């Protein structure tokens, strides 16, 4: 089940700067540790739009859009995740917003 973040128009209005969209796959112990819930909170605090979901292979997939600096900050958080997570890998691709 994908959990939605804010709407794209809200994210674009939230801050100045270049608008960027990142698509990421996070591997490790990232399911059953509230990774999705915390990713939504972290994205919301940064004014980002997007979604996050668990994958059958144990990874978490997410897309985030908004000011580039805020998207990059969220991706830094993704490399650690919530307290109980053990992140082994974050694959990021940049897309056209």
N, C-alpha and C. Protein backbone atom coordinates (compact mmCIF):
# COMPACT_ATOMS: atom_id res chain seq x y z
N UNK A 1 0.85 -1.18 0.00
CA UNK A 1 0.00 0.00 0.00
C UNK A 1 0.89 1.23 0.00
N UNK A 2 0.71 2.10 -0.97
CA UNK A 2 1.49 3.34 -1.04
C UNK A 2 0.86 4.39 -0.13
N UNK A 3 1.70 5.07 0.59
CA UNK A 3 1.23 6.17 1.43
C UNK A 3 1.60 7.47 0.74
N UNK A 4 0.63 8.35 0.60
CA UNK A 4 0.86 9.61 -0.09
C UNK A 4 1.46 10.64 0.84
N UNK A 5 2.29 11.48 0.24
CA UNK A 5 2.80 12.64 0.94
C UNK A 5 1.91 13.81 0.50
N UNK A 6 2.35 15.03 0.54
CA UNK A 6 1.55 16.18 0.12
C UNK A 6 1.35 16.15 -1.39
N UNK A 7 0.46 16.99 -1.87
CA UNK A 7 0.24 17.15 -3.31
C UNK A 7 1.39 17.93 -3.92
N UNK A 8 1.69 17.69 -5.19
CA UNK A 8 2.81 18.34 -5.87
C UNK A 8 2.69 19.85 -5.86
N UNK A 9 1.50 20.39 -6.07
CA UNK A 9 1.35 21.85 -6.10
C UNK A 9 1.68 22.45 -4.73
N UNK A 10 1.33 21.74 -3.65
CA UNK A 10 1.65 22.22 -2.31
C UNK A 10 3.16 22.24 -2.10
N UNK A 11 3.85 21.23 -2.59
CA UNK A 11 5.30 21.14 -2.42
C UNK A 11 6.00 22.24 -3.18
N UNK A 12 5.53 22.56 -4.37
CA UNK A 12 6.18 23.59 -5.17
C UNK A 12 6.00 24.96 -4.54
N UNK A 13 4.86 25.17 -3.86
CA UNK A 13 4.62 26.45 -3.21
C UNK A 13 5.37 26.57 -1.89
N UNK A 14 5.83 25.45 -1.34
CA UNK A 14 6.42 25.43 0.00
C UNK A 14 7.78 26.10 0.09
N UNK A 15 8.51 26.18 -1.00
CA UNK A 15 9.84 26.76 -0.90
C UNK A 15 10.37 27.19 -2.24
N UNK A 16 11.34 28.06 -2.20
CA UNK A 16 11.96 28.54 -3.43
C UNK A 16 13.03 27.55 -3.87
N UNK A 17 13.55 27.77 -5.06
CA UNK A 17 14.62 26.93 -5.56
C UNK A 17 14.14 26.04 -6.67
N UNK A 18 15.08 25.32 -7.26
CA UNK A 18 14.76 24.39 -8.34
C UNK A 18 13.90 23.26 -7.82
N UNK A 19 12.86 22.93 -8.58
CA UNK A 19 12.01 21.80 -8.21
C UNK A 19 12.65 20.54 -8.76
N UNK A 20 12.75 19.53 -7.91
CA UNK A 20 13.39 18.26 -8.29
C UNK A 20 12.48 17.11 -7.88
N UNK A 21 12.66 15.98 -8.57
CA UNK A 21 11.91 14.76 -8.23
C UNK A 21 12.90 13.61 -8.17
N UNK A 22 12.92 12.92 -7.03
CA UNK A 22 13.79 11.76 -6.85
C UNK A 22 12.93 10.51 -6.68
N UNK A 23 13.41 9.42 -7.25
CA UNK A 23 12.78 8.11 -7.12
C UNK A 23 13.83 7.22 -6.48
N UNK A 24 13.50 6.64 -5.33
CA UNK A 24 14.51 5.89 -4.58
C UNK A 24 14.01 4.51 -4.16
N UNK A 25 14.95 3.59 -4.07
CA UNK A 25 14.73 2.25 -3.54
C UNK A 25 15.67 2.09 -2.35
N UNK A 26 15.10 1.73 -1.20
CA UNK A 26 15.86 1.63 0.03
C UNK A 26 15.89 0.17 0.47
N UNK A 27 17.10 -0.38 0.62
CA UNK A 27 17.25 -1.77 1.01
C UNK A 27 17.80 -1.93 2.40
N UNK A 28 17.59 -3.09 2.98
CA UNK A 28 18.05 -3.38 4.33
C UNK A 28 16.87 -3.80 5.19
N UNK A 29 16.98 -3.59 6.48
CA UNK A 29 15.84 -3.87 7.37
C UNK A 29 15.01 -2.60 7.43
N UNK A 30 14.10 -2.48 6.44
CA UNK A 30 13.33 -1.25 6.30
C UNK A 30 11.82 -1.50 6.30
N UNK A 31 11.41 -2.74 6.50
CA UNK A 31 9.99 -3.04 6.65
C UNK A 31 9.76 -3.56 8.06
N UNK A 32 8.62 -3.16 8.63
CA UNK A 32 8.30 -3.56 10.00
C UNK A 32 9.00 -2.71 11.05
N UNK A 33 9.56 -1.58 10.62
CA UNK A 33 10.28 -0.68 11.54
C UNK A 33 9.75 0.76 11.42
N UNK A 34 8.56 0.92 10.85
CA UNK A 34 7.91 2.22 10.67
C UNK A 34 8.66 3.14 9.72
N UNK A 35 9.38 2.54 8.76
CA UNK A 35 10.12 3.35 7.78
C UNK A 35 9.17 4.20 6.95
N UNK A 36 8.11 3.59 6.40
CA UNK A 36 7.16 4.34 5.56
C UNK A 36 6.54 5.49 6.32
N UNK A 37 6.04 5.20 7.51
CA UNK A 37 5.38 6.24 8.31
C UNK A 37 6.33 7.40 8.58
N UNK A 38 7.55 7.08 8.96
CA UNK A 38 8.53 8.12 9.25
C UNK A 38 8.96 8.87 8.00
N UNK A 39 9.01 8.17 6.85
CA UNK A 39 9.35 8.85 5.59
C UNK A 39 8.29 9.88 5.24
N UNK A 40 7.02 9.54 5.46
CA UNK A 40 5.93 10.49 5.20
C UNK A 40 6.08 11.71 6.11
N UNK A 41 6.37 11.47 7.37
CA UNK A 41 6.55 12.58 8.32
C UNK A 41 7.73 13.45 7.91
N UNK A 42 8.84 12.82 7.58
CA UNK A 42 10.04 13.56 7.18
C UNK A 42 9.79 14.38 5.92
N UNK A 43 9.10 13.80 4.96
CA UNK A 43 8.79 14.52 3.71
C UNK A 43 7.85 15.68 3.99
N UNK A 44 6.87 15.45 4.82
CA UNK A 44 5.91 16.50 5.16
C UNK A 44 6.59 17.68 5.85
N UNK A 45 7.51 17.37 6.77
CA UNK A 45 8.25 18.43 7.46
C UNK A 45 9.07 19.27 6.50
N UNK A 46 9.43 18.69 5.36
CA UNK A 46 10.24 19.40 4.35
C UNK A 46 9.37 19.99 3.25
N UNK A 47 8.05 19.82 3.36
CA UNK A 47 7.13 20.37 2.37
C UNK A 47 7.16 19.65 1.03
N UNK A 48 7.47 18.35 1.04
CA UNK A 48 7.61 17.60 -0.20
C UNK A 48 6.34 16.83 -0.53
N UNK A 49 6.13 16.59 -1.82
CA UNK A 49 5.04 15.76 -2.32
C UNK A 49 5.62 14.41 -2.71
N UNK A 50 4.75 13.40 -2.83
CA UNK A 50 5.22 12.11 -3.30
C UNK A 50 4.48 10.97 -2.65
N UNK A 51 5.13 9.81 -2.63
CA UNK A 51 4.55 8.60 -2.06
C UNK A 51 5.66 7.65 -1.63
N UNK A 52 5.27 6.67 -0.82
CA UNK A 52 6.21 5.66 -0.34
C UNK A 52 5.45 4.35 -0.17
N UNK A 53 6.10 3.22 -0.51
CA UNK A 53 5.45 1.92 -0.37
C UNK A 53 6.47 0.82 -0.11
N UNK A 54 5.99 -0.27 0.50
CA UNK A 54 6.80 -1.47 0.68
C UNK A 54 6.78 -2.28 -0.61
N UNK A 55 7.88 -2.93 -0.92
CA UNK A 55 7.94 -3.84 -2.05
C UNK A 55 8.01 -5.28 -1.55
N UNK A 56 7.59 -6.20 -2.38
CA UNK A 56 7.59 -7.62 -1.99
C UNK A 56 8.98 -8.16 -1.70
N UNK A 57 10.01 -7.54 -2.30
CA UNK A 57 11.38 -8.03 -2.09
C UNK A 57 12.02 -7.49 -0.80
N UNK A 58 11.23 -6.77 0.01
CA UNK A 58 11.73 -6.28 1.30
C UNK A 58 12.24 -4.85 1.28
N UNK A 59 12.34 -4.27 0.10
CA UNK A 59 12.77 -2.87 0.01
C UNK A 59 11.59 -1.93 0.18
N UNK A 60 11.91 -0.65 0.35
CA UNK A 60 10.92 0.42 0.34
C UNK A 60 11.21 1.27 -0.90
N UNK A 61 10.15 1.65 -1.60
CA UNK A 61 10.27 2.51 -2.77
C UNK A 61 9.60 3.84 -2.45
N UNK A 62 10.22 4.92 -2.88
CA UNK A 62 9.60 6.23 -2.65
C UNK A 62 9.91 7.18 -3.79
N UNK A 63 9.02 8.15 -3.93
CA UNK A 63 9.22 9.26 -4.86
C UNK A 63 8.93 10.53 -4.08
N UNK A 64 9.79 11.53 -4.24
CA UNK A 64 9.61 12.79 -3.54
C UNK A 64 9.89 13.94 -4.49
N UNK A 65 9.06 14.97 -4.41
CA UNK A 65 9.18 16.13 -5.30
C UNK A 65 9.04 17.41 -4.51
N UNK A 66 9.86 18.39 -4.86
CA UNK A 66 9.82 19.69 -4.22
C UNK A 66 11.13 20.40 -4.46
N UNK A 67 11.41 21.41 -3.64
CA UNK A 67 12.69 22.12 -3.78
C UNK A 67 13.87 21.15 -3.66
N UNK A 68 14.82 21.23 -4.59
CA UNK A 68 15.94 20.28 -4.65
C UNK A 68 16.64 20.12 -3.30
N UNK A 69 16.90 21.21 -2.63
CA UNK A 69 17.60 21.15 -1.34
C UNK A 69 16.83 20.29 -0.34
N UNK A 70 15.51 20.41 -0.33
CA UNK A 70 14.69 19.62 0.60
C UNK A 70 14.63 18.15 0.20
N UNK A 71 14.58 17.88 -1.11
CA UNK A 71 14.60 16.48 -1.59
C UNK A 71 15.93 15.83 -1.20
N UNK A 72 17.03 16.55 -1.41
CA UNK A 72 18.35 16.02 -1.04
C UNK A 72 18.44 15.76 0.45
N UNK A 73 17.83 16.63 1.25
CA UNK A 73 17.84 16.45 2.71
C UNK A 73 17.04 15.20 3.09
N UNK A 74 15.90 14.97 2.44
CA UNK A 74 15.13 13.76 2.70
C UNK A 74 15.95 12.52 2.33
N UNK A 75 16.65 12.57 1.23
CA UNK A 75 17.47 11.42 0.82
C UNK A 75 18.59 11.15 1.82
N UNK A 76 19.14 12.19 2.44
CA UNK A 76 20.13 11.98 3.51
C UNK A 76 19.48 11.24 4.67
N UNK A 77 18.25 11.64 5.03
CA UNK A 77 17.54 10.94 6.10
C UNK A 77 17.30 9.47 5.71
N UNK A 78 16.96 9.23 4.44
CA UNK A 78 16.67 7.87 3.96
C UNK A 78 17.84 6.93 4.19
N UNK A 79 19.06 7.45 4.18
CA UNK A 79 20.25 6.61 4.34
C UNK A 79 20.39 6.08 5.77
N UNK A 80 19.66 6.66 6.70
CA UNK A 80 19.65 6.20 8.09
C UNK A 80 18.28 5.65 8.46
N UNK A 81 17.23 6.40 8.13
CA UNK A 81 15.86 5.99 8.44
C UNK A 81 15.55 6.12 9.92
N UNK A 82 14.43 5.52 10.34
CA UNK A 82 14.06 5.58 11.76
C UNK A 82 14.99 4.72 12.61
N UNK A 83 14.89 4.88 13.90
CA UNK A 83 15.80 4.25 14.87
C UNK A 83 15.96 2.74 14.68
N UNK A 84 14.88 2.02 14.43
CA UNK A 84 14.96 0.56 14.35
C UNK A 84 15.36 0.04 12.97
N UNK A 85 15.49 0.92 11.99
CA UNK A 85 15.85 0.49 10.63
C UNK A 85 17.35 0.22 10.54
N UNK A 86 17.70 -0.64 9.58
CA UNK A 86 19.10 -0.87 9.23
C UNK A 86 19.18 -0.71 7.71
N UNK A 87 19.57 0.47 7.26
CA UNK A 87 19.62 0.75 5.82
C UNK A 87 20.95 0.28 5.27
N UNK A 88 20.88 -0.58 4.24
CA UNK A 88 22.09 -1.08 3.60
C UNK A 88 22.39 -0.36 2.30
N UNK A 89 21.35 0.11 1.62
CA UNK A 89 21.55 0.68 0.29
C UNK A 89 20.41 1.63 -0.05
N UNK A 90 20.73 2.74 -0.70
CA UNK A 90 19.72 3.65 -1.24
C UNK A 90 20.09 3.93 -2.70
N UNK A 91 19.24 3.47 -3.62
CA UNK A 91 19.42 3.72 -5.05
C UNK A 91 18.54 4.88 -5.43
N UNK A 92 19.12 5.93 -6.01
CA UNK A 92 18.36 7.13 -6.35
C UNK A 92 18.48 7.41 -7.82
N UNK A 93 17.36 7.73 -8.46
CA UNK A 93 17.38 8.26 -9.81
C UNK A 93 16.60 9.57 -9.79
N UNK A 94 17.08 10.52 -10.56
CA UNK A 94 16.43 11.83 -10.65
C UNK A 94 15.55 11.85 -11.88
N UNK A 95 14.34 12.35 -11.71
CA UNK A 95 13.37 12.39 -12.79
C UNK A 95 12.94 13.83 -13.04
N UNK A 96 12.31 14.05 -14.18
CA UNK A 96 11.76 15.38 -14.49
C UNK A 96 10.47 15.56 -13.71
N UNK A 97 10.38 16.64 -12.92
CA UNK A 97 9.15 16.88 -12.15
C UNK A 97 7.95 17.15 -13.04
